Amino acid sequence: MDQKRIGTKVIRLIRGDITEMDTDAIVNAANAQLVLGGGVAGAIRTKGGPSIQEECNRIGGTHVGGAVITGAGNLKARYVIHAVGPRMGEGDEDRKLENATRNSLLRATEKGLKSVAFPAISTGIFGFPKDRCARIMLNTVADFLKREETTLEDVVFCLWSEEDLQVFQKALEEME
């Protein structure tokens, strides 16, 4: 299963490069200092150009579980939402990932956006288990779309590998 409808809204899963997404915003799996280093953040910095890091530097950082929004430089998307997921072992990781996801959706809603694309936050160098990530993020998005006043209509999980896509497909199928 690659999508789930929630009323008039949809959660979709695709395999691809998030920096190529033509959604209103893409989500960057950020660190608390908002330094665009490796992984998703490094790809965003490379393709989006220096203006994204410059804007992050002006913001200065955010807490684990937080999310801030910047322009998207040269990317197809209009905005980048920088969500700070947890590192495995720091404690209370599930709640922090849920907060990072929810705060990203709130930033998109505050800007009146209709579409946003997420990566699998914290599953790279932060070491979060992919199956747990998929369940938490998908359930948080579904809950948000059901309960909150939002302009969002299309929430995409853009997953880099076939393995990641399959993990998210399984979690989507297991949702109520």
N, C-alpha and C. Protein backbone atom coordinates (compact mmCIF):
# COMPACT_ATOMS: atom_id res chain seq x y z
N MET A 1 0.85 -1.18 0.00
CA MET A 1 0.00 0.00 0.00
C MET A 1 0.89 1.24 0.00
N ASP A 2 0.61 2.17 -0.90
CA ASP A 2 1.43 3.36 -1.03
C ASP A 2 0.72 4.65 -0.65
N GLN A 3 -0.57 4.55 -0.26
CA GLN A 3 -1.25 5.76 0.22
C GLN A 3 -2.42 5.41 1.11
N LYS A 4 -2.79 6.40 1.91
CA LYS A 4 -3.93 6.25 2.81
C LYS A 4 -4.69 7.56 2.81
N ARG A 5 -5.99 7.48 2.62
CA ARG A 5 -6.85 8.66 2.66
C ARG A 5 -7.32 8.91 4.08
N ILE A 6 -7.35 10.17 4.46
CA ILE A 6 -7.91 10.59 5.74
C ILE A 6 -8.85 11.73 5.40
N GLY A 7 -10.13 11.38 5.24
CA GLY A 7 -11.10 12.36 4.74
C GLY A 7 -10.70 12.77 3.34
N THR A 8 -10.51 14.08 3.13
CA THR A 8 -10.11 14.59 1.81
C THR A 8 -8.60 14.66 1.68
N LYS A 9 -7.88 14.33 2.74
CA LYS A 9 -6.42 14.43 2.74
C LYS A 9 -5.80 13.06 2.45
N VAL A 10 -4.53 13.08 2.07
CA VAL A 10 -3.87 11.81 1.73
C VAL A 10 -2.44 11.79 2.28
N ILE A 11 -2.05 10.59 2.75
CA ILE A 11 -0.65 10.31 3.12
C ILE A 11 -0.13 9.38 2.02
N ARG A 12 0.98 9.77 1.40
CA ARG A 12 1.54 8.97 0.31
C ARG A 12 2.97 8.56 0.64
N LEU A 13 3.36 7.40 0.12
CA LEU A 13 4.73 6.91 0.24
C LEU A 13 5.34 6.82 -1.14
N ILE A 14 6.54 7.35 -1.31
CA ILE A 14 7.25 7.19 -2.56
C ILE A 14 8.73 6.93 -2.26
N ARG A 15 9.40 6.31 -3.22
CA ARG A 15 10.85 6.16 -3.13
C ARG A 15 11.45 7.24 -4.01
N GLY A 16 12.40 7.98 -3.47
CA GLY A 16 13.00 9.03 -4.28
C GLY A 16 13.95 9.90 -3.49
N ASP A 17 14.32 11.00 -4.12
CA ASP A 17 15.25 11.99 -3.57
C ASP A 17 14.43 13.18 -3.10
N ILE A 18 14.39 13.41 -1.80
CA ILE A 18 13.56 14.47 -1.24
C ILE A 18 13.93 15.85 -1.79
N THR A 19 15.19 16.03 -2.19
CA THR A 19 15.60 17.34 -2.71
C THR A 19 14.99 17.62 -4.09
N GLU A 20 14.41 16.60 -4.71
CA GLU A 20 13.76 16.76 -6.02
C GLU A 20 12.25 16.91 -5.91
N MET A 21 11.72 16.89 -4.69
CA MET A 21 10.27 16.95 -4.49
C MET A 21 9.73 18.34 -4.83
N ASP A 22 8.58 18.34 -5.50
CA ASP A 22 7.93 19.57 -5.92
C ASP A 22 6.77 19.91 -4.98
N THR A 23 6.91 19.59 -3.72
CA THR A 23 5.89 19.91 -2.71
C THR A 23 6.13 21.34 -2.21
N ASP A 24 5.16 21.90 -1.51
CA ASP A 24 5.33 23.26 -0.97
C ASP A 24 6.54 23.32 -0.04
N ALA A 25 6.73 22.26 0.75
CA ALA A 25 7.88 22.20 1.66
C ALA A 25 8.43 20.79 1.70
N ILE A 26 9.72 20.70 2.03
CA ILE A 26 10.33 19.42 2.36
C ILE A 26 10.84 19.53 3.78
N VAL A 27 10.93 18.40 4.45
CA VAL A 27 11.43 18.38 5.82
C VAL A 27 12.87 17.89 5.82
N ASN A 28 13.71 18.63 6.51
CA ASN A 28 15.10 18.26 6.70
C ASN A 28 15.24 17.61 8.08
N ALA A 29 15.88 16.45 8.11
CA ALA A 29 16.22 15.81 9.39
C ALA A 29 17.42 16.55 9.95
N ALA A 30 17.14 17.53 10.81
CA ALA A 30 18.16 18.48 11.26
C ALA A 30 18.77 18.11 12.60
N ASN A 31 19.87 18.80 12.92
CA ASN A 31 20.42 18.73 14.27
C ASN A 31 20.00 20.02 15.00
N ALA A 32 20.14 20.02 16.31
CA ALA A 32 19.65 21.14 17.12
C ALA A 32 20.35 22.46 16.79
N GLN A 33 21.56 22.41 16.24
CA GLN A 33 22.30 23.62 15.88
C GLN A 33 21.92 24.13 14.49
N LEU A 34 21.11 23.34 13.76
CA LEU A 34 20.69 23.67 12.39
C LEU A 34 21.87 23.80 11.43
N VAL A 35 22.89 22.98 11.67
CA VAL A 35 24.05 22.94 10.76
C VAL A 35 23.76 21.84 9.74
N LEU A 36 23.73 22.23 8.47
CA LEU A 36 23.44 21.28 7.39
C LEU A 36 24.70 20.51 7.07
N GLY A 37 24.85 19.34 7.71
CA GLY A 37 26.07 18.54 7.56
C GLY A 37 25.94 17.48 6.49
N GLY A 38 25.76 16.21 6.93
CA GLY A 38 25.68 15.10 6.00
C GLY A 38 24.26 14.63 5.78
N GLY A 39 24.11 13.49 5.12
CA GLY A 39 22.80 12.88 4.90
C GLY A 39 21.84 13.78 4.16
N VAL A 40 20.57 13.78 4.59
CA VAL A 40 19.53 14.60 3.96
C VAL A 40 19.93 16.08 4.01
N ALA A 41 20.41 16.53 5.17
CA ALA A 41 20.78 17.94 5.34
C ALA A 41 21.88 18.36 4.36
N GLY A 42 22.86 17.48 4.18
CA GLY A 42 23.96 17.78 3.26
C GLY A 42 23.47 17.89 1.82
N ALA A 43 22.56 17.00 1.44
CA ALA A 43 21.99 17.04 0.08
C ALA A 43 21.18 18.32 -0.11
N ILE A 44 20.42 18.73 0.91
CA ILE A 44 19.64 19.97 0.85
C ILE A 44 20.57 21.17 0.71
N ARG A 45 21.66 21.18 1.48
CA ARG A 45 22.63 22.28 1.41
C ARG A 45 23.26 22.35 0.01
N THR A 46 23.66 21.20 -0.52
CA THR A 46 24.33 21.16 -1.82
C THR A 46 23.40 21.64 -2.94
N LYS A 47 22.18 21.10 -2.99
CA LYS A 47 21.26 21.44 -4.08
C LYS A 47 20.54 22.77 -3.86
N GLY A 48 20.32 23.13 -2.61
CA GLY A 48 19.56 24.35 -2.32
C GLY A 48 20.39 25.61 -2.31
N GLY A 49 21.70 25.45 -2.14
CA GLY A 49 22.58 26.61 -2.11
C GLY A 49 22.75 27.18 -0.71
N PRO A 50 23.63 28.19 -0.58
CA PRO A 50 24.03 28.71 0.74
C PRO A 50 22.94 29.47 1.50
N SER A 51 21.91 29.95 0.83
CA SER A 51 20.90 30.78 1.52
C SER A 51 20.18 30.01 2.62
N ILE A 52 20.03 28.69 2.47
CA ILE A 52 19.33 27.90 3.48
C ILE A 52 20.15 27.87 4.78
N GLN A 53 21.45 27.59 4.67
CA GLN A 53 22.31 27.57 5.86
C GLN A 53 22.39 28.97 6.47
N GLU A 54 22.44 30.00 5.64
CA GLU A 54 22.50 31.38 6.16
C GLU A 54 21.26 31.68 6.99
N GLU A 55 20.09 31.26 6.51
CA GLU A 55 18.85 31.47 7.26
C GLU A 55 18.85 30.66 8.56
N CYS A 56 19.34 29.43 8.49
CA CYS A 56 19.47 28.60 9.70
C CYS A 56 20.38 29.27 10.72
N ASN A 57 21.49 29.85 10.26
CA ASN A 57 22.43 30.54 11.15
C ASN A 57 21.75 31.70 11.86
N ARG A 58 20.89 32.43 11.14
CA ARG A 58 20.17 33.56 11.75
C ARG A 58 19.19 33.06 12.81
N ILE A 59 18.54 31.91 12.56
CA ILE A 59 17.61 31.34 13.54
C ILE A 59 18.39 30.85 14.76
N GLY A 60 19.51 30.19 14.51
CA GLY A 60 20.43 29.82 15.58
C GLY A 60 20.27 28.42 16.16
N GLY A 61 19.12 27.81 15.99
CA GLY A 61 18.94 26.45 16.51
C GLY A 61 17.55 26.25 17.08
N THR A 62 17.25 25.02 17.44
CA THR A 62 15.99 24.70 18.09
C THR A 62 16.20 23.44 18.92
N HIS A 63 15.24 23.12 19.76
CA HIS A 63 15.36 21.96 20.66
C HIS A 63 15.03 20.65 19.93
N VAL A 64 15.46 19.53 20.52
CA VAL A 64 15.10 18.21 19.99
C VAL A 64 13.57 18.09 20.09
N GLY A 65 12.96 17.74 18.97
CA GLY A 65 11.50 17.69 18.90
C GLY A 65 10.92 18.95 18.28
N GLY A 66 11.75 19.96 18.10
CA GLY A 66 11.30 21.23 17.52
C GLY A 66 11.43 21.23 16.01
N ALA A 67 10.85 22.27 15.40
CA ALA A 67 10.95 22.44 13.95
C ALA A 67 10.88 23.93 13.62
N VAL A 68 11.72 24.36 12.69
CA VAL A 68 11.72 25.75 12.22
C VAL A 68 11.65 25.71 10.69
N ILE A 69 11.25 26.84 10.09
CA ILE A 69 11.08 26.87 8.64
C ILE A 69 11.96 27.95 8.02
N THR A 70 12.54 27.62 6.86
CA THR A 70 13.34 28.58 6.09
C THR A 70 12.90 28.51 4.64
N GLY A 71 13.40 29.43 3.86
CA GLY A 71 13.23 29.33 2.41
C GLY A 71 13.96 28.10 1.91
N ALA A 72 13.77 27.79 0.64
CA ALA A 72 14.35 26.56 0.08
C ALA A 72 15.43 26.83 -0.97
N GLY A 73 15.88 28.06 -1.08
CA GLY A 73 16.96 28.35 -2.02
C GLY A 73 16.63 27.91 -3.43
N ASN A 74 17.50 27.10 -4.01
CA ASN A 74 17.35 26.65 -5.40
C ASN A 74 16.53 25.36 -5.55
N LEU A 75 15.96 24.86 -4.46
CA LEU A 75 15.17 23.62 -4.55
C LEU A 75 13.82 23.88 -5.23
N LYS A 76 13.17 22.81 -5.68
CA LYS A 76 11.83 22.94 -6.27
C LYS A 76 10.80 23.35 -5.22
N ALA A 77 10.96 22.85 -4.01
CA ALA A 77 10.07 23.21 -2.91
C ALA A 77 10.24 24.69 -2.58
N ARG A 78 9.23 25.30 -1.96
CA ARG A 78 9.31 26.72 -1.58
C ARG A 78 9.96 26.91 -0.21
N TYR A 79 9.81 25.88 0.66
CA TYR A 79 10.31 25.98 2.03
C TYR A 79 11.01 24.69 2.44
N VAL A 80 11.90 24.84 3.44
CA VAL A 80 12.48 23.69 4.12
C VAL A 80 12.10 23.81 5.58
N ILE A 81 11.50 22.75 6.11
CA ILE A 81 11.18 22.68 7.53
C ILE A 81 12.26 21.82 8.17
N HIS A 82 12.97 22.40 9.11
CA HIS A 82 14.09 21.72 9.76
C HIS A 82 13.58 21.12 11.07
N ALA A 83 13.42 19.80 11.09
CA ALA A 83 12.88 19.09 12.26
C ALA A 83 14.01 18.35 12.96
N VAL A 84 14.12 18.56 14.26
CA VAL A 84 15.19 17.94 15.02
C VAL A 84 14.68 16.68 15.70
N GLY A 85 15.08 15.54 15.17
CA GLY A 85 14.71 14.26 15.75
C GLY A 85 15.70 13.85 16.83
N PRO A 86 15.36 12.80 17.57
CA PRO A 86 16.21 12.34 18.68
C PRO A 86 17.35 11.43 18.20
N ARG A 87 18.40 11.41 19.00
CA ARG A 87 19.46 10.41 18.84
C ARG A 87 19.09 9.22 19.71
N MET A 88 19.27 8.02 19.20
CA MET A 88 18.99 6.83 20.01
C MET A 88 19.88 6.85 21.24
N GLY A 89 19.27 6.56 22.38
CA GLY A 89 20.02 6.50 23.62
C GLY A 89 19.92 7.76 24.46
N GLU A 90 19.34 8.83 23.92
CA GLU A 90 19.27 10.08 24.71
C GLU A 90 18.07 10.10 25.66
N GLY A 91 17.14 9.16 25.47
CA GLY A 91 15.98 9.08 26.36
C GLY A 91 14.74 9.75 25.76
N ASP A 92 13.58 9.14 26.00
CA ASP A 92 12.29 9.69 25.57
C ASP A 92 12.23 9.92 24.06
N GLU A 93 12.90 9.02 23.31
CA GLU A 93 13.04 9.22 21.86
C GLU A 93 11.71 9.20 21.12
N ASP A 94 10.79 8.31 21.50
CA ASP A 94 9.52 8.21 20.78
C ASP A 94 8.74 9.52 20.84
N ARG A 95 8.65 10.10 22.03
CA ARG A 95 7.91 11.36 22.19
C ARG A 95 8.62 12.48 21.42
N LYS A 96 9.94 12.50 21.42
CA LYS A 96 10.69 13.55 20.72
C LYS A 96 10.48 13.44 19.20
N LEU A 97 10.43 12.22 18.67
CA LEU A 97 10.18 12.04 17.24
C LEU A 97 8.75 12.46 16.90
N GLU A 98 7.81 12.09 17.75
CA GLU A 98 6.42 12.51 17.56
C GLU A 98 6.33 14.05 17.54
N ASN A 99 7.02 14.70 18.47
CA ASN A 99 7.01 16.17 18.52
C ASN A 99 7.65 16.79 17.29
N ALA A 100 8.75 16.24 16.82
CA ALA A 100 9.42 16.76 15.62
C ALA A 100 8.48 16.67 14.41
N THR A 101 7.74 15.57 14.31
CA THR A 101 6.80 15.37 13.21
C THR A 101 5.64 16.36 13.33
N ARG A 102 5.05 16.41 14.52
CA ARG A 102 3.90 17.31 14.75
C ARG A 102 4.29 18.78 14.56
N ASN A 103 5.44 19.17 15.08
CA ASN A 103 5.87 20.56 14.93
C ASN A 103 6.15 20.91 13.47
N SER A 104 6.60 19.96 12.68
CA SER A 104 6.78 20.18 11.23
C SER A 104 5.43 20.46 10.57
N LEU A 105 4.44 19.66 10.93
CA LEU A 105 3.09 19.85 10.38
C LEU A 105 2.51 21.20 10.81
N LEU A 106 2.79 21.60 12.04
CA LEU A 106 2.33 22.92 12.52
C LEU A 106 3.00 24.06 11.75
N ARG A 107 4.31 23.96 11.49
CA ARG A 107 5.00 25.01 10.72
C ARG A 107 4.40 25.10 9.31
N ALA A 108 4.12 23.96 8.69
CA ALA A 108 3.52 23.96 7.34
C ALA A 108 2.14 24.61 7.38
N THR A 109 1.36 24.29 8.39
CA THR A 109 0.01 24.84 8.53
C THR A 109 0.07 26.36 8.76
N GLU A 110 1.01 26.80 9.58
CA GLU A 110 1.16 28.25 9.85
C GLU A 110 1.43 29.04 8.57
N LYS A 111 2.12 28.41 7.61
CA LYS A 111 2.42 29.06 6.33
C LYS A 111 1.31 28.85 5.30
N GLY A 112 0.27 28.10 5.66
CA GLY A 112 -0.84 27.85 4.73
C GLY A 112 -0.49 26.88 3.62
N LEU A 113 0.48 26.00 3.86
CA LEU A 113 0.95 25.07 2.82
C LEU A 113 -0.03 23.92 2.61
N LYS A 114 -0.07 23.41 1.39
CA LYS A 114 -0.95 22.29 1.04
C LYS A 114 -0.23 20.96 0.99
N SER A 115 1.11 20.99 0.76
CA SER A 115 1.85 19.72 0.63
C SER A 115 3.21 19.81 1.31
N VAL A 116 3.61 18.67 1.89
CA VAL A 116 4.90 18.58 2.57
C VAL A 116 5.44 17.17 2.38
N ALA A 117 6.77 17.08 2.24
CA ALA A 117 7.42 15.77 2.10
C ALA A 117 8.40 15.56 3.25
N PHE A 118 8.28 14.39 3.89
CA PHE A 118 9.14 14.01 5.02
C PHE A 118 10.13 12.92 4.61
N PRO A 119 11.33 12.95 5.20
CA PRO A 119 12.21 11.77 5.15
C PRO A 119 11.92 10.92 6.40
N ALA A 120 12.64 9.83 6.55
CA ALA A 120 12.54 9.00 7.76
C ALA A 120 13.47 9.62 8.81
N ILE A 121 12.93 10.54 9.60
CA ILE A 121 13.71 11.34 10.55
C ILE A 121 14.40 10.45 11.59
N SER A 122 15.65 10.77 11.86
CA SER A 122 16.48 10.14 12.91
C SER A 122 16.96 8.72 12.58
N THR A 123 16.65 8.20 11.39
CA THR A 123 17.05 6.81 11.09
C THR A 123 18.45 6.69 10.49
N GLY A 124 19.08 7.81 10.19
CA GLY A 124 20.44 7.78 9.65
C GLY A 124 21.46 7.70 10.78
N ILE A 125 22.31 8.71 10.86
CA ILE A 125 23.37 8.70 11.87
C ILE A 125 22.84 8.78 13.30
N PHE A 126 21.58 9.19 13.48
CA PHE A 126 21.00 9.25 14.83
C PHE A 126 20.56 7.87 15.32
N GLY A 127 20.53 6.86 14.42
CA GLY A 127 20.37 5.47 14.83
C GLY A 127 18.98 5.01 15.26
N PHE A 128 17.94 5.76 14.92
CA PHE A 128 16.58 5.37 15.32
C PHE A 128 16.11 4.19 14.46
N PRO A 129 15.50 3.17 15.07
CA PRO A 129 15.04 2.01 14.29
C PRO A 129 13.96 2.41 13.27
N LYS A 130 14.14 1.96 12.04
CA LYS A 130 13.26 2.38 10.95
C LYS A 130 11.80 1.97 11.16
N ASP A 131 11.57 0.77 11.67
CA ASP A 131 10.18 0.32 11.86
C ASP A 131 9.48 1.17 12.91
N ARG A 132 10.18 1.50 13.97
CA ARG A 132 9.61 2.36 15.02
C ARG A 132 9.35 3.77 14.48
N CYS A 133 10.30 4.28 13.71
CA CYS A 133 10.17 5.59 13.09
C CYS A 133 8.92 5.63 12.21
N ALA A 134 8.75 4.63 11.37
CA ALA A 134 7.61 4.58 10.45
C ALA A 134 6.29 4.60 11.22
N ARG A 135 6.17 3.77 12.25
CA ARG A 135 4.93 3.73 13.04
C ARG A 135 4.64 5.08 13.69
N ILE A 136 5.65 5.64 14.32
CA ILE A 136 5.46 6.91 15.05
C ILE A 136 5.11 8.04 14.09
N MET A 137 5.88 8.18 13.02
CA MET A 137 5.65 9.30 12.10
C MET A 137 4.32 9.17 11.38
N LEU A 138 4.00 7.98 10.88
CA LEU A 138 2.73 7.79 10.17
C LEU A 138 1.53 8.01 11.08
N ASN A 139 1.59 7.48 12.29
CA ASN A 139 0.48 7.67 13.23
C ASN A 139 0.33 9.13 13.65
N THR A 140 1.45 9.83 13.83
CA THR A 140 1.41 11.25 14.20
C THR A 140 0.77 12.07 13.09
N VAL A 141 1.16 11.80 11.83
CA VAL A 141 0.59 12.52 10.69
C VAL A 141 -0.91 12.22 10.57
N ALA A 142 -1.29 10.95 10.66
CA ALA A 142 -2.69 10.58 10.54
C ALA A 142 -3.53 11.25 11.63
N ASP A 143 -3.03 11.22 12.84
CA ASP A 143 -3.72 11.84 13.97
C ASP A 143 -3.88 13.35 13.75
N PHE A 144 -2.82 13.99 13.28
CA PHE A 144 -2.84 15.43 13.02
C PHE A 144 -3.88 15.76 11.95
N LEU A 145 -3.89 14.99 10.86
CA LEU A 145 -4.82 15.26 9.77
C LEU A 145 -6.28 15.05 10.19
N LYS A 146 -6.50 14.13 11.12
CA LYS A 146 -7.86 13.87 11.62
C LYS A 146 -8.32 14.94 12.59
N ARG A 147 -7.44 15.44 13.44
CA ARG A 147 -7.84 16.26 14.58
C ARG A 147 -7.60 17.76 14.44
N GLU A 148 -6.63 18.16 13.65
CA GLU A 148 -6.23 19.57 13.62
C GLU A 148 -6.82 20.30 12.42
N GLU A 149 -7.05 21.60 12.62
CA GLU A 149 -7.38 22.48 11.50
C GLU A 149 -6.08 22.68 10.73
N THR A 150 -6.05 22.24 9.49
CA THR A 150 -4.82 22.37 8.71
C THR A 150 -5.13 22.64 7.25
N THR A 151 -4.22 23.33 6.60
CA THR A 151 -4.31 23.58 5.17
C THR A 151 -3.71 22.41 4.38
N LEU A 152 -3.00 21.54 5.07
CA LEU A 152 -2.33 20.42 4.39
C LEU A 152 -3.34 19.46 3.77
N GLU A 153 -3.06 19.06 2.54
CA GLU A 153 -3.89 18.09 1.82
C GLU A 153 -3.11 16.85 1.43
N ASP A 154 -1.79 17.00 1.29
CA ASP A 154 -0.93 15.93 0.76
C ASP A 154 0.34 15.85 1.60
N VAL A 155 0.48 14.76 2.37
CA VAL A 155 1.69 14.54 3.16
C VAL A 155 2.40 13.33 2.56
N VAL A 156 3.61 13.56 2.08
CA VAL A 156 4.38 12.55 1.38
C VAL A 156 5.55 12.10 2.25
N PHE A 157 5.78 10.80 2.31
CA PHE A 157 7.02 10.29 2.89
C PHE A 157 7.88 9.88 1.71
N CYS A 158 8.96 10.63 1.50
CA CYS A 158 9.88 10.39 0.39
C CYS A 158 11.06 9.61 0.96
N LEU A 159 11.13 8.35 0.61
CA LEU A 159 12.10 7.43 1.22
C LEU A 159 13.20 7.09 0.23
N TRP A 160 14.43 7.12 0.71
CA TRP A 160 15.61 7.01 -0.15
C TRP A 160 15.80 5.60 -0.72
N SER A 161 15.58 4.57 0.09
CA SER A 161 15.89 3.22 -0.36
C SER A 161 14.63 2.37 -0.47
N GLU A 162 14.73 1.29 -1.23
CA GLU A 162 13.63 0.34 -1.36
C GLU A 162 13.31 -0.27 0.01
N GLU A 163 14.35 -0.53 0.80
CA GLU A 163 14.16 -1.10 2.15
C GLU A 163 13.33 -0.15 3.02
N ASP A 164 13.68 1.14 3.00
CA ASP A 164 12.93 2.14 3.78
C ASP A 164 11.47 2.19 3.32
N LEU A 165 11.27 2.18 2.01
CA LEU A 165 9.91 2.22 1.46
C LEU A 165 9.11 1.02 1.95
N GLN A 166 9.70 -0.16 1.94
CA GLN A 166 9.00 -1.37 2.38
C GLN A 166 8.65 -1.31 3.87
N VAL A 167 9.54 -0.77 4.68
CA VAL A 167 9.27 -0.63 6.12
C VAL A 167 8.07 0.29 6.33
N PHE A 168 8.03 1.42 5.60
CA PHE A 168 6.92 2.36 5.73
C PHE A 168 5.63 1.78 5.15
N GLN A 169 5.72 1.01 4.06
CA GLN A 169 4.52 0.36 3.49
C GLN A 169 3.90 -0.60 4.51
N LYS A 170 4.73 -1.37 5.17
CA LYS A 170 4.25 -2.32 6.18
C LYS A 170 3.56 -1.57 7.32
N ALA A 171 4.17 -0.49 7.80
CA ALA A 171 3.59 0.30 8.89
C ALA A 171 2.27 0.94 8.46
N LEU A 172 2.20 1.39 7.21
CA LEU A 172 0.97 2.01 6.70
C LEU A 172 -0.17 0.99 6.63
N GLU A 173 0.17 -0.22 6.21
CA GLU A 173 -0.83 -1.30 6.13
C GLU A 173 -1.36 -1.67 7.51
N GLU A 174 -0.51 -1.57 8.54
CA GLU A 174 -0.91 -1.96 9.90
C GLU A 174 -1.71 -0.87 10.62
N MET A 175 -1.77 0.33 10.04
CA MET A 175 -2.55 1.41 10.65
C MET A 175 -4.03 1.11 10.57
N GLU A 176 -4.79 1.63 11.53
CA GLU A 176 -6.24 1.41 11.54
C GLU A 176 -6.91 2.19 10.40
